[in-house]
Protein backbone atom coordinates (compact mmCIF):
# COMPACT_ATOMS: atom_id res chain seq x y z
CA MET A 1 103.43 118.07 85.35
CA GLY A 2 105.07 120.49 87.76
CA HIS A 3 108.36 120.00 89.57
CA THR A 4 110.90 117.46 88.31
CA PRO A 5 111.74 114.84 90.95
CA ASP A 6 115.32 114.63 92.21
CA TRP A 7 115.89 110.98 91.42
CA SER A 8 119.07 110.91 93.52
CA ALA A 9 116.99 111.38 96.70
CA PRO A 10 117.05 108.21 98.84
CA TRP A 11 113.27 107.99 99.09
CA PHE A 12 112.97 107.66 95.30
CA ALA A 13 115.58 104.89 95.01
CA PRO A 14 113.08 102.03 94.39
CA VAL A 15 111.47 103.84 91.45
CA ALA A 16 114.28 106.10 90.21
CA ASP A 17 115.32 104.02 87.19
CA ARG A 18 111.80 103.82 85.78
CA GLY A 19 111.03 107.39 86.81
CA GLU A 20 113.95 108.75 84.88
CA ALA A 21 113.06 106.66 81.82
CA ILE A 22 109.49 107.97 81.86
CA GLY A 23 110.78 111.51 82.29
CA VAL A 24 112.80 111.13 79.09
CA ALA A 25 109.73 109.86 77.23
CA LEU A 26 107.60 112.75 78.48
CA ALA A 27 110.29 115.24 77.46
CA ARG A 28 110.12 114.00 73.87
CA GLY A 29 106.35 114.44 73.84
CA ASP A 30 104.93 111.05 74.81
CA ALA A 31 101.72 111.00 76.85
CA LEU A 32 102.07 109.61 80.37
CA PRO A 33 99.97 106.45 79.73
CA GLN A 34 102.07 105.70 76.64
CA ALA A 35 105.33 106.24 78.55
CA LEU A 36 104.23 103.94 81.39
CA ASP A 37 103.04 101.20 79.03
CA ALA A 38 106.34 101.30 77.13
CA LEU A 39 108.12 99.91 80.20
CA GLY A 40 105.94 96.78 80.10
CA ALA A 41 105.94 93.94 82.65
CA CYS A 42 102.75 95.10 84.35
CA PRO A 43 99.38 93.34 84.73
CA VAL A 44 97.49 96.48 83.68
CA ARG A 45 97.58 99.01 80.86
CA PHE A 46 97.57 102.75 81.38
CA VAL A 47 95.01 104.77 79.46
CA PRO A 48 93.95 108.43 79.32
CA GLN A 49 91.58 109.56 82.07
CA SER A 50 88.96 110.18 79.37
CA GLU A 51 88.45 106.41 79.03
CA LEU A 52 86.86 106.26 82.49
CA PRO A 53 83.10 106.41 81.82
CA THR A 54 81.11 108.98 83.75
CA GLY A 55 79.55 107.41 86.82
CA THR A 56 81.92 104.42 86.90
CA ALA A 57 84.04 103.95 90.01
CA TYR A 58 87.77 104.22 89.25
CA GLU A 59 88.72 101.02 91.09
CA GLN A 60 85.83 99.09 89.55
CA PHE A 61 86.91 100.15 86.07
CA ILE A 62 90.45 98.89 86.71
CA PHE A 63 89.11 95.60 88.05
CA ASP A 64 86.74 95.10 85.10
CA THR A 65 89.06 96.17 82.28
CA GLY A 66 92.67 95.88 83.46
CA ARG A 67 93.16 99.51 82.44
CA VAL A 68 94.25 102.35 84.74
CA PRO A 69 92.85 105.81 83.90
CA THR A 70 95.81 108.18 84.09
CA ARG A 71 95.96 111.97 84.20
CA GLU A 72 98.96 113.99 83.11
CA ASN A 73 100.08 114.93 86.61
CA LEU A 74 102.63 113.90 89.23
CA HIS A 75 100.07 112.06 91.35
CA ASP A 76 99.23 109.63 88.56
CA PHE A 77 102.88 109.53 87.47
CA PHE A 78 103.82 108.06 90.85
CA ASN A 79 100.78 105.81 90.85
CA GLY A 80 102.04 104.34 87.60
CA LEU A 81 105.52 103.89 89.05
CA CYS A 82 104.03 102.02 92.01
CA TRP A 83 102.15 99.71 89.65
CA LEU A 84 105.43 98.98 87.87
CA ARG A 85 107.40 98.40 91.08
CA PHE A 86 104.71 96.54 93.10
CA PRO A 87 102.35 94.98 90.53
CA ALA A 88 101.13 92.09 92.69
CA THR A 89 100.36 94.34 95.64
CA LYS A 90 98.61 96.98 93.54
CA GLN A 91 96.50 94.25 91.94
CA ARG A 92 95.66 92.86 95.39
CA LEU A 93 94.57 96.30 96.59
CA ASN A 94 92.40 96.71 93.51
CA ARG A 95 90.72 93.34 94.05
CA LEU A 96 90.01 94.21 97.69
CA GLN A 97 88.53 97.55 96.62
CA ALA A 98 86.36 95.82 94.03
CA ALA A 99 85.14 93.32 96.62
CA GLU A 100 84.15 96.15 98.94
CA LEU A 101 82.35 97.94 96.11
CA ALA A 102 80.50 94.74 95.22
CA ALA A 103 79.45 94.26 98.83
CA ALA A 104 78.42 97.82 99.67
CA GLY A 105 78.35 99.83 96.45
CA VAL A 106 79.72 103.33 96.03
CA ARG A 107 78.82 105.34 99.10
CA GLU A 108 79.78 108.79 100.33
CA VAL A 109 81.31 107.20 103.43
CA ARG A 110 83.76 104.53 102.36
CA GLY A 111 83.78 102.38 105.50
CA PRO A 112 86.80 101.12 107.45
CA VAL A 113 88.17 98.68 104.87
CA ARG A 114 88.02 101.07 101.91
CA ASP A 115 89.43 103.85 104.09
CA ALA A 116 92.35 101.65 105.05
CA LEU A 117 92.87 100.51 101.45
CA THR A 118 93.02 104.11 100.29
CA LEU A 119 95.36 105.10 103.11
CA PHE A 120 97.68 102.23 102.26
CA ASP A 121 97.65 102.97 98.55
CA GLU A 122 98.32 106.67 99.08
CA ASN A 123 100.65 106.81 102.07
CA ALA A 124 102.05 103.43 103.13
CA ALA A 125 105.67 102.56 103.76
CA LEU A 126 107.40 99.24 104.43
CA LEU A 127 110.15 98.69 106.96
CA GLN A 128 112.71 95.95 107.32
CA ALA A 129 114.63 96.63 110.53
CA PRO A 130 116.10 95.16 113.72
CA GLU A 131 113.58 94.64 116.52
CA PRO A 132 114.85 97.49 118.74
CA LEU A 133 114.03 99.96 115.96
CA TRP A 134 110.53 98.52 115.66
CA ASP A 135 110.01 98.78 119.41
CA ALA A 136 111.08 102.43 119.43
CA LEU A 137 108.98 103.24 116.36
CA THR A 138 105.76 101.74 117.72
CA ALA A 139 106.37 103.50 121.05
CA ARG A 140 107.00 106.75 119.13
CA ASP A 141 110.14 107.14 121.18
CA TRP A 142 111.78 109.37 118.60
CA GLN A 143 114.95 110.12 120.54
CA ARG A 144 115.62 106.43 121.00
CA LEU A 145 114.63 105.58 117.42
CA PHE A 146 116.73 108.22 115.70
CA VAL A 147 119.44 109.23 118.17
CA THR A 148 120.23 106.43 120.65
CA LEU A 149 119.71 103.64 118.11
CA ARG A 150 120.95 105.61 115.12
CA PRO A 151 123.73 103.11 114.22
CA LEU A 152 121.10 100.36 113.78
CA TRP A 153 119.62 102.19 110.80
CA ALA A 154 122.55 100.86 108.78
CA GLN A 155 120.79 97.47 109.07
CA ALA A 156 117.34 98.81 108.08
CA ARG A 157 115.53 99.36 104.80
CA LEU A 158 112.59 101.74 104.47
CA VAL A 159 110.68 101.61 101.19
CA LEU A 160 107.91 104.08 100.42
CA PHE A 161 104.88 102.56 98.71
CA GLY A 162 102.22 105.27 98.70
CA HIS A 163 102.11 107.34 95.54
CA ALA A 164 100.74 110.47 97.28
CA LEU A 165 103.60 110.16 99.76
CA LEU A 166 106.13 110.05 96.93
CA GLU A 167 104.44 113.00 95.26
CA LYS A 168 104.80 115.11 98.43
CA LEU A 169 108.51 114.32 98.55
CA VAL A 170 109.10 115.95 95.18
CA VAL A 171 109.19 119.16 97.24
CA PRO A 172 110.22 117.78 100.65
CA TYR A 173 109.30 119.34 103.98
CA LYS A 174 109.93 118.22 107.53
CA SER A 175 106.45 117.08 108.53
CA ILE A 176 105.84 114.58 105.71
CA THR A 177 104.72 111.44 107.50
CA ALA A 178 104.32 107.90 106.20
CA HIS A 179 102.06 105.19 107.57
CA VAL A 180 104.36 102.23 108.13
CA LEU A 181 102.69 98.85 107.82
CA HIS A 182 103.05 97.33 111.26
CA VAL A 183 104.24 94.02 109.83
CA PRO A 184 108.04 93.80 109.57
CA VAL A 185 109.39 92.85 106.16
CA PRO A 186 111.25 89.54 106.70
CA GLY A 187 115.00 89.91 106.73
CA SER A 188 115.21 86.77 104.60
CA LEU A 189 113.91 88.79 101.63
CA GLY A 190 116.96 91.05 101.70
CA GLY A 191 116.60 93.98 99.33
CA ASP A 192 114.78 92.04 96.60
CA LEU A 193 111.76 94.28 96.00
CA ALA A 194 110.12 91.77 93.67
CA ALA A 195 110.12 89.37 96.62
CA TRP A 196 108.78 92.15 98.87
CA ASP A 197 105.93 92.62 96.40
CA GLY A 198 104.89 88.98 96.49
CA TRP A 199 105.18 88.86 100.27
CA LEU A 200 103.21 92.07 100.73
CA ALA A 201 100.37 91.01 98.44
CA ASP A 202 99.97 87.89 100.58
CA GLN A 203 99.79 89.95 103.79
CA LEU A 204 96.91 92.19 102.78
CA SER A 205 93.31 91.26 103.48
CA ALA A 206 90.16 93.11 104.44
CA PRO A 207 90.34 92.09 108.14
CA VAL A 208 94.02 93.00 108.40
CA LEU A 209 93.52 96.43 106.87
CA ALA A 210 90.32 97.17 108.79
CA ALA A 211 92.40 96.92 111.98
CA LYS A 212 94.46 99.92 110.76
CA PRO A 213 97.85 98.19 111.16
CA PHE A 214 99.91 101.37 110.68
CA THR A 215 102.28 103.45 112.72
CA PRO A 216 103.39 106.99 111.77
CA LEU A 217 106.94 107.80 110.72
CA PRO A 218 108.16 111.31 109.75
CA VAL A 219 110.30 110.15 106.84
CA LEU A 220 112.78 113.04 106.85
CA GLY A 221 113.86 111.87 110.28
CA VAL A 222 115.42 108.74 108.78
CA PRO A 223 119.20 108.88 109.16
CA GLY A 224 120.88 109.60 105.84
CA TRP A 225 117.70 110.91 104.25
CA TRP A 226 117.95 114.58 105.23
CA SER A 227 121.12 116.41 106.22
CA ALA A 228 119.40 118.53 108.88
CA ASN A 229 118.71 115.46 110.99
CA ASP A 230 122.42 114.99 111.65
CA ASP A 231 121.79 117.41 114.54
CA PRO A 232 119.93 115.64 117.41
CA ALA A 233 118.05 118.88 118.07
CA TYR A 234 116.16 118.24 114.82
CA TYR A 235 114.04 115.68 116.65
CA ALA A 236 113.01 118.08 119.44
CA ASP A 237 110.24 119.49 117.23
CA ALA A 238 107.18 118.05 118.96
CA GLY A 239 104.94 119.38 116.21
CA VAL A 240 106.46 116.76 113.89
CA PHE A 241 107.87 114.11 116.23
CA ARG A 242 104.77 113.75 118.33
CA PRO A 243 104.72 111.49 121.38
CA ARG A 244 102.21 108.70 121.64
CA ARG A 245 98.99 109.86 123.22
CA PRO A 246 98.36 108.40 126.67
CA ALA A 247 95.68 105.75 126.73
CA ALA A 248 92.27 107.03 127.76
CA PRO A 249 91.35 105.97 131.31
CA MET A 250 88.77 103.22 131.50
CA ASP A 251 85.38 104.19 132.88
CA ASN A 252 84.62 102.90 136.33
CA PRO A 253 81.98 100.19 136.37
């Protein structure tokens, strides 16, 4: 399946225990669907990609059968880990996809809701943080977010949801950027990710996602996640830490 993830990396913390267990199973010769299923406690089963009939939409198949076609690669490895860590949310995303397919069918252009669903599934992150960090993040004021307010990150939790995002971080590079859901995770949930899952599933709907409620965050800028960012000059790279674009001027009447 390619590179072996470094499970000690902070971005893998929410899935590291299961990831390591699956790695052991794969090393002894188990197929990936078998290794994922062995961990149990998931509303779906994982099956070989060959079980997906030709011409059947992937999301529709999951909705109809409760089975997730799974290839022997890192992308589907992390997709499986996300199902195990966030089962209610993954099931909610699947139901929303199925509803969109039922309404519009499979088209070459997905439409805004399916686009947003795919973006969330592949690249989303969740943030629980003090309000000043949120203000700096949404303003894309990177110096304030990561340098001036750096001590506040000790009170924050960033959890990566998107499986493509996690896959990229197997071989990390500076410009990897998450799409943070612009809905703060309630502090009352603490670090209980099972509670995050239930809360998140309740937040997601077609109208919410169609509004593209995301803000970008270069994840290797997070304090404690990458040693190079101990130097404030790290954030001067405008090719990665891009300022917010100025609003377009309104046309004169």
